[in-house]
Amino acid sequence: MSFIQMGLALVVLTILYVRMIRRETPEQISRPQAILPVVFGAVAAPLSFVLFLLMGSLLLQLGLNVGELPGFPRALIQSLFGAGIPEEIAKMTLLLLTLLIFRSRIRNVYEYMLAGAGIGFGFTLLEEFIYGSDGLAALGRLITIGAHMIFGILMARHLGLAACRRAAGQGGAAKHYALALLVPMVIHTVYDALTVHNWLMDDPKEELQIVGILLAILAMAGLFVLQFLVLRRLRKNADKYIALQKMVH
């Protein structure tokens, strides 16, 4: 089943990614500039697992027994240290490496966002292979198949805007650097807390289990809508981000 999910992810994300690339005018990014972020995104997945182990070790050293925390705080801590921090830091690291390698070729903020999309693309492919499942879980993952790509776009957008402001000698660059990591990390953490680590689903009270299911459905629907809105905004404002080029270097 993991091969099927990875195949579906490959088809859907390839279509989205190619459309993003073709939107850039008058000249599109080079093939290496399009492919390398996807490869680095796949590398980010095992790197995030290493960071996950380090996060677990840190919690042990701090003497924090997450299992003893009440429901929602426990879910937030599990989601933050289990996915929010390690996965987003791993993707940020590989995104920064991508931007460093192509620093002389990146011409505008839109190309920052393409790099972020590529990182999310590659990360998703490997994650779908590792965590592929069946039934409702598979359906849920299909609905949010573009999540990591969206996180990468949001992350890269703030990095690109920070570079613009810094090059132009304007203030606010530090804010954008912080938001580049915090925005995807917060969204990712809250989503996982309401789905993967939903504390209400394990409650002995049936009515609370129902509430937990509704929260999970609401989270999936919210992330689905976010994917649509970010991609729509990217399409609508593509020319604007492409025009932000003379200030980048």
C-alpha atoms as a PDB file:
ATOM      1  CA  MET A   1       0.000   0.000   0.000  1.00  0.00           C
ATOM      2  CA  SER A   2       2.913   2.361   0.648  1.00  0.00           C
ATOM      3  CA  PHE A   3       3.964   2.077  -3.014  1.00  0.00           C
ATOM      4  CA  ILE A   4       0.437   2.977  -4.090  1.00  0.00           C
ATOM      5  CA  GLN A   5       0.351   6.038  -1.844  1.00  0.00           C
ATOM      6  CA  MET A   6       3.808   7.103  -2.962  1.00  0.00           C
ATOM      7  CA  GLY A   7       2.686   6.710  -6.571  1.00  0.00           C
ATOM      8  CA  LEU A   8      -0.408   8.823  -5.983  1.00  0.00           C
ATOM      9  CA  ALA A   9       1.701  11.468  -4.263  1.00  0.00           C
ATOM     10  CA  LEU A  10       4.157  11.427  -7.163  1.00  0.00           C
ATOM     11  CA  VAL A  11       1.386  12.010  -9.714  1.00  0.00           C
ATOM     12  CA  VAL A  12      -0.469  14.728  -7.793  1.00  0.00           C
ATOM     13  CA  LEU A  13       2.592  16.660  -6.632  1.00  0.00           C
ATOM     14  CA  THR A  14       4.333  16.415  -9.999  1.00  0.00           C
ATOM     15  CA  ILE A  15       1.321  18.049 -11.648  1.00  0.00           C
ATOM     16  CA  LEU A  16       1.265  20.831  -9.043  1.00  0.00           C
ATOM     17  CA  TYR A  17       5.032  21.364  -9.139  1.00  0.00           C
ATOM     18  CA  VAL A  18       5.290  21.451 -12.939  1.00  0.00           C
ATOM     19  CA  ARG A  19       2.431  23.946 -13.108  1.00  0.00           C
ATOM     20  CA  MET A  20       4.200  26.169 -10.584  1.00  0.00           C
ATOM     21  CA  ILE A  21       7.410  26.052 -12.611  1.00  0.00           C
ATOM     22  CA  ARG A  22       5.669  26.825 -15.898  1.00  0.00           C
ATOM     23  CA  ARG A  23       4.051  29.891 -14.369  1.00  0.00           C
ATOM     24  CA  GLU A  24       7.370  31.670 -14.178  1.00  0.00           C
ATOM     25  CA  THR A  25       7.884  34.015 -17.103  1.00  0.00           C
ATOM     26  CA  PRO A  26       9.715  34.946 -19.207  1.00  0.00           C
ATOM     27  CA  GLU A  27      12.257  32.270 -18.235  1.00  0.00           C
ATOM     28  CA  GLN A  28      11.760  29.198 -16.082  1.00  0.00           C
ATOM     29  CA  ILE A  29      14.243  27.706 -13.622  1.00  0.00           C
ATOM     30  CA  SER A  30      16.763  25.173 -14.923  1.00  0.00           C
ATOM     31  CA  ARG A  31      16.217  21.430 -14.645  1.00  0.00           C
ATOM     32  CA  PRO A  32      18.868  20.996 -11.903  1.00  0.00           C
ATOM     33  CA  GLN A  33      17.277  23.880  -9.989  1.00  0.00           C
ATOM     34  CA  ALA A  34      13.932  22.065 -10.168  1.00  0.00           C
ATOM     35  CA  ILE A  35      15.168  18.540  -9.401  1.00  0.00           C
ATOM     36  CA  LEU A  36      17.752  19.048  -6.640  1.00  0.00           C
ATOM     37  CA  PRO A  37      15.265  20.448  -4.078  1.00  0.00           C
ATOM     38  CA  VAL A  38      13.112  17.336  -4.546  1.00  0.00           C
ATOM     39  CA  VAL A  39      16.150  15.118  -3.890  1.00  0.00           C
ATOM     40  CA  PHE A  40      17.084  17.216  -0.854  1.00  0.00           C
ATOM     41  CA  GLY A  41      13.501  16.984   0.385  1.00  0.00           C
ATOM     42  CA  ALA A  42      13.804  13.205   0.402  1.00  0.00           C
ATOM     43  CA  VAL A  43      17.077  13.546   2.336  1.00  0.00           C
ATOM     44  CA  ALA A  44      15.292  15.747   4.872  1.00  0.00           C
ATOM     45  CA  ALA A  45      13.043  12.828   5.876  1.00  0.00           C
ATOM     46  CA  PRO A  46      15.777  10.628   7.447  1.00  0.00           C
ATOM     47  CA  LEU A  47      17.412  13.768   8.851  1.00  0.00           C
ATOM     48  CA  SER A  48      14.148  14.567  10.626  1.00  0.00           C
ATOM     49  CA  PHE A  49      14.205  11.087  12.194  1.00  0.00           C
ATOM     50  CA  VAL A  50      17.680  11.767  13.600  1.00  0.00           C
ATOM     51  CA  LEU A  51      16.425  15.053  15.016  1.00  0.00           C
ATOM     52  CA  PHE A  52      13.390  13.239  16.423  1.00  0.00           C
ATOM     53  CA  LEU A  53      15.715  10.910  18.349  1.00  0.00           C
ATOM     54  CA  LEU A  54      17.661  13.913  19.632  1.00  0.00           C
ATOM     55  CA  MET A  55      14.407  15.563  20.746  1.00  0.00           C
ATOM     56  CA  GLY A  56      13.473  12.397  22.650  1.00  0.00           C
ATOM     57  CA  SER A  57      16.870  12.327  24.302  1.00  0.00           C
ATOM     58  CA  LEU A  58      16.482  15.977  25.273  1.00  0.00           C
ATOM     59  CA  LEU A  59      13.117  15.312  26.917  1.00  0.00           C
ATOM     60  CA  LEU A  60      14.635  12.436  28.885  1.00  0.00           C
ATOM     61  CA  GLN A  61      17.508  14.612  30.067  1.00  0.00           C
ATOM     62  CA  LEU A  62      15.046  17.275  31.153  1.00  0.00           C
ATOM     63  CA  GLY A  63      13.177  14.626  33.126  1.00  0.00           C
ATOM     64  CA  LEU A  64       9.934  15.372  31.322  1.00  0.00           C
ATOM     65  CA  ASN A  65       7.600  12.376  31.194  1.00  0.00           C
ATOM     66  CA  VAL A  66       5.220  13.377  28.418  1.00  0.00           C
ATOM     67  CA  GLY A  67       2.887  10.494  29.241  1.00  0.00           C
ATOM     68  CA  GLU A  68       2.094  12.043  32.620  1.00  0.00           C
ATOM     69  CA  LEU A  69       0.814  15.293  31.116  1.00  0.00           C
ATOM     70  CA  PRO A  70      -2.929  15.923  30.689  1.00  0.00           C
ATOM     71  CA  GLY A  71      -4.529  15.303  27.305  1.00  0.00           C
ATOM     72  CA  PHE A  72      -4.123  18.428  25.175  1.00  0.00           C
ATOM     73  CA  PRO A  73      -0.701  19.516  26.534  1.00  0.00           C
ATOM     74  CA  ARG A  74       0.521  15.945  26.026  1.00  0.00           C
ATOM     75  CA  ALA A  75      -0.697  15.975  22.425  1.00  0.00           C
ATOM     76  CA  LEU A  76       0.975  19.328  21.767  1.00  0.00           C
ATOM     77  CA  ILE A  77       4.330  18.235  23.228  1.00  0.00           C
ATOM     78  CA  GLN A  78       4.230  14.933  21.338  1.00  0.00           C
ATOM     79  CA  SER A  79       3.403  16.754  18.111  1.00  0.00           C
ATOM     80  CA  LEU A  80       5.943  19.527  18.623  1.00  0.00           C
ATOM     81  CA  PHE A  81       8.883  17.275  19.469  1.00  0.00           C
ATOM     82  CA  GLY A  82       7.720  14.387  17.302  1.00  0.00           C
ATOM     83  CA  ALA A  83       7.099  16.304  14.077  1.00  0.00           C
ATOM     84  CA  GLY A  84       6.842  20.097  14.350  1.00  0.00           C
ATOM     85  CA  ILE A  85      10.447  20.724  15.392  1.00  0.00           C
ATOM     86  CA  PRO A  86      12.408  17.870  13.755  1.00  0.00           C
ATOM     87  CA  GLU A  87      10.605  17.827  10.410  1.00  0.00           C
ATOM     88  CA  GLU A  88      10.481  21.577   9.865  1.00  0.00           C
ATOM     89  CA  ILE A  89      14.089  22.102  10.986  1.00  0.00           C
ATOM     90  CA  ALA A  90      15.204  19.280   8.673  1.00  0.00           C
ATOM     91  CA  LYS A  91      13.352  20.835   5.734  1.00  0.00           C
ATOM     92  CA  MET A  92      14.644  24.295   6.601  1.00  0.00           C
ATOM     93  CA  THR A  93      18.227  22.969   6.678  1.00  0.00           C
ATOM     94  CA  LEU A  94      17.953  21.375   3.235  1.00  0.00           C
ATOM     95  CA  LEU A  95      16.115  24.407   1.860  1.00  0.00           C
ATOM     96  CA  LEU A  96      18.908  26.700   3.026  1.00  0.00           C
ATOM     97  CA  LEU A  97      21.437  24.347   1.433  1.00  0.00           C
ATOM     98  CA  THR A  98      19.477  24.508  -1.826  1.00  0.00           C
ATOM     99  CA  LEU A  99      19.411  28.301  -1.715  1.00  0.00           C
ATOM    100  CA  LEU A 100      23.152  28.358  -1.013  1.00  0.00           C
ATOM    101  CA  ILE A 101      23.963  26.091  -3.967  1.00  0.00           C
ATOM    102  CA  PHE A 102      21.834  28.125  -6.390  1.00  0.00           C
ATOM    103  CA  ARG A 103      22.530  31.527  -4.844  1.00  0.00           C
ATOM    104  CA  SER A 104      23.865  32.898  -8.143  1.00  0.00           C
ATOM    105  CA  ARG A 105      20.881  31.584 -10.119  1.00  0.00           C
ATOM    106  CA  ILE A 106      17.953  32.500  -7.895  1.00  0.00           C
ATOM    107  CA  ARG A 107      16.517  35.647  -9.413  1.00  0.00           C
ATOM    108  CA  ASN A 108      13.341  36.342  -7.468  1.00  0.00           C
ATOM    109  CA  VAL A 109      11.135  35.445  -4.508  1.00  0.00           C
ATOM    110  CA  TYR A 110       9.045  33.122  -6.685  1.00  0.00           C
ATOM    111  CA  GLU A 111      12.118  30.923  -7.170  1.00  0.00           C
ATOM    112  CA  TYR A 112      12.556  30.787  -3.402  1.00  0.00           C
ATOM    113  CA  MET A 113       9.008  29.444  -3.213  1.00  0.00           C
ATOM    114  CA  LEU A 114       9.649  26.913  -5.979  1.00  0.00           C
ATOM    115  CA  ALA A 115      12.624  25.633  -3.999  1.00  0.00           C
ATOM    116  CA  GLY A 116      10.431  25.301  -0.914  1.00  0.00           C
ATOM    117  CA  ALA A 117       7.795  23.445  -2.929  1.00  0.00           C
ATOM    118  CA  GLY A 118      10.464  21.053  -4.208  1.00  0.00           C
ATOM    119  CA  ILE A 119      11.686  20.332  -0.688  1.00  0.00           C
ATOM    120  CA  GLY A 120       8.132  19.550   0.422  1.00  0.00           C
ATOM    121  CA  PHE A 121       7.611  17.411  -2.675  1.00  0.00           C
ATOM    122  CA  GLY A 122      10.611  15.192  -1.965  1.00  0.00           C
ATOM    123  CA  PHE A 123       9.850  14.946   1.737  1.00  0.00           C
ATOM    124  CA  THR A 124       6.290  13.801   0.998  1.00  0.00           C
ATOM    125  CA  LEU A 125       7.391  11.062  -1.390  1.00  0.00           C
ATOM    126  CA  LEU A 126       9.626   9.381   1.162  1.00  0.00           C
ATOM    127  CA  GLU A 127       7.142   9.938   3.981  1.00  0.00           C
ATOM    128  CA  GLU A 128       4.344   8.335   1.959  1.00  0.00           C
ATOM    129  CA  PHE A 129       6.538   5.301   1.343  1.00  0.00           C
ATOM    130  CA  ILE A 130       7.447   4.989   5.031  1.00  0.00           C
ATOM    131  CA  TYR A 131       4.027   5.726   6.543  1.00  0.00           C
ATOM    132  CA  GLY A 132       1.819   4.367   3.768  1.00  0.00           C
ATOM    133  CA  SER A 133      -1.338   2.766   5.111  1.00  0.00           C
ATOM    134  CA  ASP A 134      -4.810   1.760   4.067  1.00  0.00           C
ATOM    135  CA  GLY A 135      -8.426   2.566   4.885  1.00  0.00           C
ATOM    136  CA  LEU A 136      -9.372   5.933   6.375  1.00  0.00           C
ATOM    137  CA  ALA A 137      -5.767   6.781   7.231  1.00  0.00           C
ATOM    138  CA  ALA A 138      -4.834   6.526   3.567  1.00  0.00           C
ATOM    139  CA  LEU A 139      -7.786   8.737   2.618  1.00  0.00           C
ATOM    140  CA  GLY A 140      -6.749  11.315   5.208  1.00  0.00           C
ATOM    141  CA  ARG A 141      -3.195  11.393   3.877  1.00  0.00           C
ATOM    142  CA  LEU A 142      -4.476  11.774   0.324  1.00  0.00           C
ATOM    143  CA  ILE A 143      -6.607  14.770   1.322  1.00  0.00           C
ATOM    144  CA  THR A 144      -3.554  16.492   2.814  1.00  0.00           C
ATOM    145  CA  ILE A 145      -1.036  15.196   0.269  1.00  0.00           C
ATOM    146  CA  GLY A 146       0.226  18.705  -0.503  1.00  0.00           C
ATOM    147  CA  ALA A 147       0.774  19.743   3.128  1.00  0.00           C
ATOM    148  CA  HIS A 148       4.573  19.526   3.174  1.00  0.00           C
ATOM    149  CA  MET A 149       4.728  21.310  -0.175  1.00  0.00           C
ATOM    150  CA  ILE A 150       2.568  24.095   1.270  1.00  0.00           C
ATOM    151  CA  PHE A 151       4.753  24.278   4.382  1.00  0.00           C
ATOM    152  CA  GLY A 152       7.799  24.569   2.124  1.00  0.00           C
ATOM    153  CA  ILE A 153       6.206  27.351   0.080  1.00  0.00           C
ATOM    154  CA  LEU A 154       5.299  29.334   3.217  1.00  0.00           C
ATOM    155  CA  MET A 155       8.777  28.797   4.641  1.00  0.00           C
ATOM    156  CA  ALA A 156      10.539  29.852   1.437  1.00  0.00           C
ATOM    157  CA  ARG A 157       8.271  32.852   0.911  1.00  0.00           C
ATOM    158  CA  HIS A 158       9.377  34.349   4.217  1.00  0.00           C
ATOM    159  CA  LEU A 159      13.016  33.573   3.452  1.00  0.00           C
ATOM    160  CA  GLY A 160      12.690  35.324   0.104  1.00  0.00           C
ATOM    161  CA  LEU A 161      10.985  38.356   1.615  1.00  0.00           C
ATOM    162  CA  ALA A 162      13.659  38.498   4.321  1.00  0.00           C
ATOM    163  CA  ALA A 163      16.367  38.477   1.651  1.00  0.00           C
ATOM    164  CA  CYS A 164      14.612  41.307  -0.189  1.00  0.00           C
ATOM    165  CA  ARG A 165      14.296  43.466   2.900  1.00  0.00           C
ATOM    166  CA  ARG A 166      17.869  42.832   3.953  1.00  0.00           C
ATOM    167  CA  ALA A 167      19.236  43.642   0.484  1.00  0.00           C
ATOM    168  CA  ALA A 168      17.157  46.826   0.358  1.00  0.00           C
ATOM    169  CA  GLY A 169      18.333  47.881   3.814  1.00  0.00           C
ATOM    170  CA  GLN A 170      14.806  47.732   5.188  1.00  0.00           C
ATOM    171  CA  GLY A 171      13.754  46.498   8.600  1.00  0.00           C
ATOM    172  CA  GLY A 172      11.720  43.408   9.287  1.00  0.00           C
ATOM    173  CA  ALA A 173      14.084  40.793   7.860  1.00  0.00           C
ATOM    174  CA  ALA A 174      14.537  39.139  11.274  1.00  0.00           C
ATOM    175  CA  LYS A 175      10.770  38.812  11.607  1.00  0.00           C
ATOM    176  CA  HIS A 176      10.525  37.001   8.290  1.00  0.00           C
ATOM    177  CA  TYR A 177      13.409  34.681   9.171  1.00  0.00           C
ATOM    178  CA  ALA A 178      11.588  33.744  12.378  1.00  0.00           C
ATOM    179  CA  LEU A 179       8.244  33.296  10.603  1.00  0.00           C
ATOM    180  CA  ALA A 180       9.889  31.068   7.989  1.00  0.00           C
ATOM    181  CA  LEU A 181      10.297  28.419  10.666  1.00  0.00           C
ATOM    182  CA  LEU A 182       7.494  29.262  13.088  1.00  0.00           C
ATOM    183  CA  VAL A 183       4.574  29.368  10.626  1.00  0.00           C
ATOM    184  CA  PRO A 184       4.951  25.806   9.268  1.00  0.00           C
ATOM    185  CA  MET A 185       6.022  24.513  12.679  1.00  0.00           C
ATOM    186  CA  VAL A 186       2.911  25.842  14.446  1.00  0.00           C
ATOM    187  CA  ILE A 187       0.507  24.639  11.750  1.00  0.00           C
ATOM    188  CA  HIS A 188       2.172  21.225  11.656  1.00  0.00           C
ATOM    189  CA  THR A 189       2.134  20.861  15.442  1.00  0.00           C
ATOM    190  CA  VAL A 190      -1.510  21.832  15.883  1.00  0.00           C
ATOM    191  CA  TYR A 191      -2.582  19.569  13.027  1.00  0.00           C
ATOM    192  CA  ASP A 192      -0.771  16.543  14.453  1.00  0.00           C
ATOM    193  CA  ALA A 193      -2.123  17.272  17.936  1.00  0.00           C
ATOM    194  CA  LEU A 194      -5.676  17.097  16.588  1.00  0.00           C
ATOM    195  CA  THR A 195      -5.114  14.039  14.392  1.00  0.00           C
ATOM    196  CA  VAL A 196      -2.088  11.796  15.024  1.00  0.00           C
ATOM    197  CA  HIS A 197      -2.003  12.427  18.788  1.00  0.00           C
ATOM    198  CA  ASN A 198      -5.668  13.211  19.347  1.00  0.00           C
ATOM    199  CA  TRP A 199      -6.108  12.583  23.086  1.00  0.00           C
ATOM    200  CA  LEU A 200      -9.904  12.398  22.982  1.00  0.00           C
ATOM    201  CA  MET A 201     -10.039   9.369  20.714  1.00  0.00           C
ATOM    202  CA  ASP A 202      -8.582   7.203  23.488  1.00  0.00           C
ATOM    203  CA  ASP A 203     -10.964   8.539  26.141  1.00  0.00           C
ATOM    204  CA  PRO A 204     -13.255   5.877  27.678  1.00  0.00           C
ATOM    205  CA  LYS A 205     -16.261   8.176  27.256  1.00  0.00           C
ATOM    206  CA  GLU A 206     -17.913   7.608  23.906  1.00  0.00           C
ATOM    207  CA  GLU A 207     -19.126  11.187  23.598  1.00  0.00           C
ATOM    208  CA  LEU A 208     -15.560  12.489  23.990  1.00  0.00           C
ATOM    209  CA  GLN A 209     -14.364  10.036  21.366  1.00  0.00           C
ATOM    210  CA  ILE A 210     -16.927  11.512  18.986  1.00  0.00           C
ATOM    211  CA  VAL A 211     -15.658  15.013  19.776  1.00  0.00           C
ATOM    212  CA  GLY A 212     -12.124  13.780  19.072  1.00  0.00           C
ATOM    213  CA  ILE A 213     -13.185  12.393  15.686  1.00  0.00           C
ATOM    214  CA  LEU A 214     -14.907  15.662  14.810  1.00  0.00           C
ATOM    215  CA  LEU A 215     -11.777  17.630  15.762  1.00  0.00           C
ATOM    216  CA  ALA A 216      -9.652  15.375  13.565  1.00  0.00           C
ATOM    217  CA  ILE A 217     -12.038  15.818  10.636  1.00  0.00           C
ATOM    218  CA  LEU A 218     -12.050  19.582  11.203  1.00  0.00           C
ATOM    219  CA  ALA A 219      -8.226  19.635  11.231  1.00  0.00           C
ATOM    220  CA  MET A 220      -8.019  17.664   7.979  1.00  0.00           C
ATOM    221  CA  ALA A 221     -10.610  19.905   6.356  1.00  0.00           C
ATOM    222  CA  GLY A 222      -8.753  23.006   7.558  1.00  0.00           C
ATOM    223  CA  LEU A 223      -5.437  21.771   6.162  1.00  0.00           C
ATOM    224  CA  PHE A 224      -7.116  20.863   2.878  1.00  0.00           C
ATOM    225  CA  VAL A 225      -8.530  24.391   2.605  1.00  0.00           C
ATOM    226  CA  LEU A 226      -5.138  25.883   3.509  1.00  0.00           C
ATOM    227  CA  GLN A 227      -3.534  23.935   0.662  1.00  0.00           C
ATOM    228  CA  PHE A 228      -6.095  25.323  -1.753  1.00  0.00           C
ATOM    229  CA  LEU A 229      -5.730  28.908  -0.511  1.00  0.00           C
ATOM    230  CA  VAL A 230      -1.910  28.913  -0.598  1.00  0.00           C
ATOM    231  CA  LEU A 231      -1.794  27.444  -4.110  1.00  0.00           C
ATOM    232  CA  ARG A 232      -4.479  29.891  -5.267  1.00  0.00           C
ATOM    233  CA  ARG A 233      -2.590  32.824  -3.779  1.00  0.00           C
ATOM    234  CA  LEU A 234       0.648  31.623  -5.353  1.00  0.00           C
ATOM    235  CA  ARG A 235      -1.013  31.430  -8.768  1.00  0.00           C
ATOM    236  CA  LYS A 236      -2.688  34.823  -8.367  1.00  0.00           C
ATOM    237  CA  ASN A 237       0.449  36.609  -7.117  1.00  0.00           C
ATOM    238  CA  ALA A 238       3.047  34.782  -9.225  1.00  0.00           C
ATOM    239  CA  ASP A 239       3.882  37.922 -11.223  1.00  0.00           C
ATOM    240  CA  LYS A 240       4.284  39.916  -8.030  1.00  0.00           C
ATOM    241  CA  TYR A 241       6.775  37.435  -6.551  1.00  0.00           C
ATOM    242  CA  ILE A 242       8.630  37.170  -9.869  1.00  0.00           C
ATOM    243  CA  ALA A 243       8.932  40.967  -9.955  1.00  0.00           C
ATOM    244  CA  LEU A 244      10.672  40.933  -6.552  1.00  0.00           C
ATOM    245  CA  GLN A 245      14.014  40.156  -8.129  1.00  0.00           C
ATOM    246  CA  LYS A 246      16.285  43.189  -8.284  1.00  0.00           C
ATOM    247  CA  MET A 247      16.367  43.441  -4.480  1.00  0.00           C
ATOM    248  CA  VAL A 248      17.167  39.780  -3.779  1.00  0.00           C
ATOM    249  CA  HIS A 249      20.900  40.008  -4.376  1.00  0.00           C
END
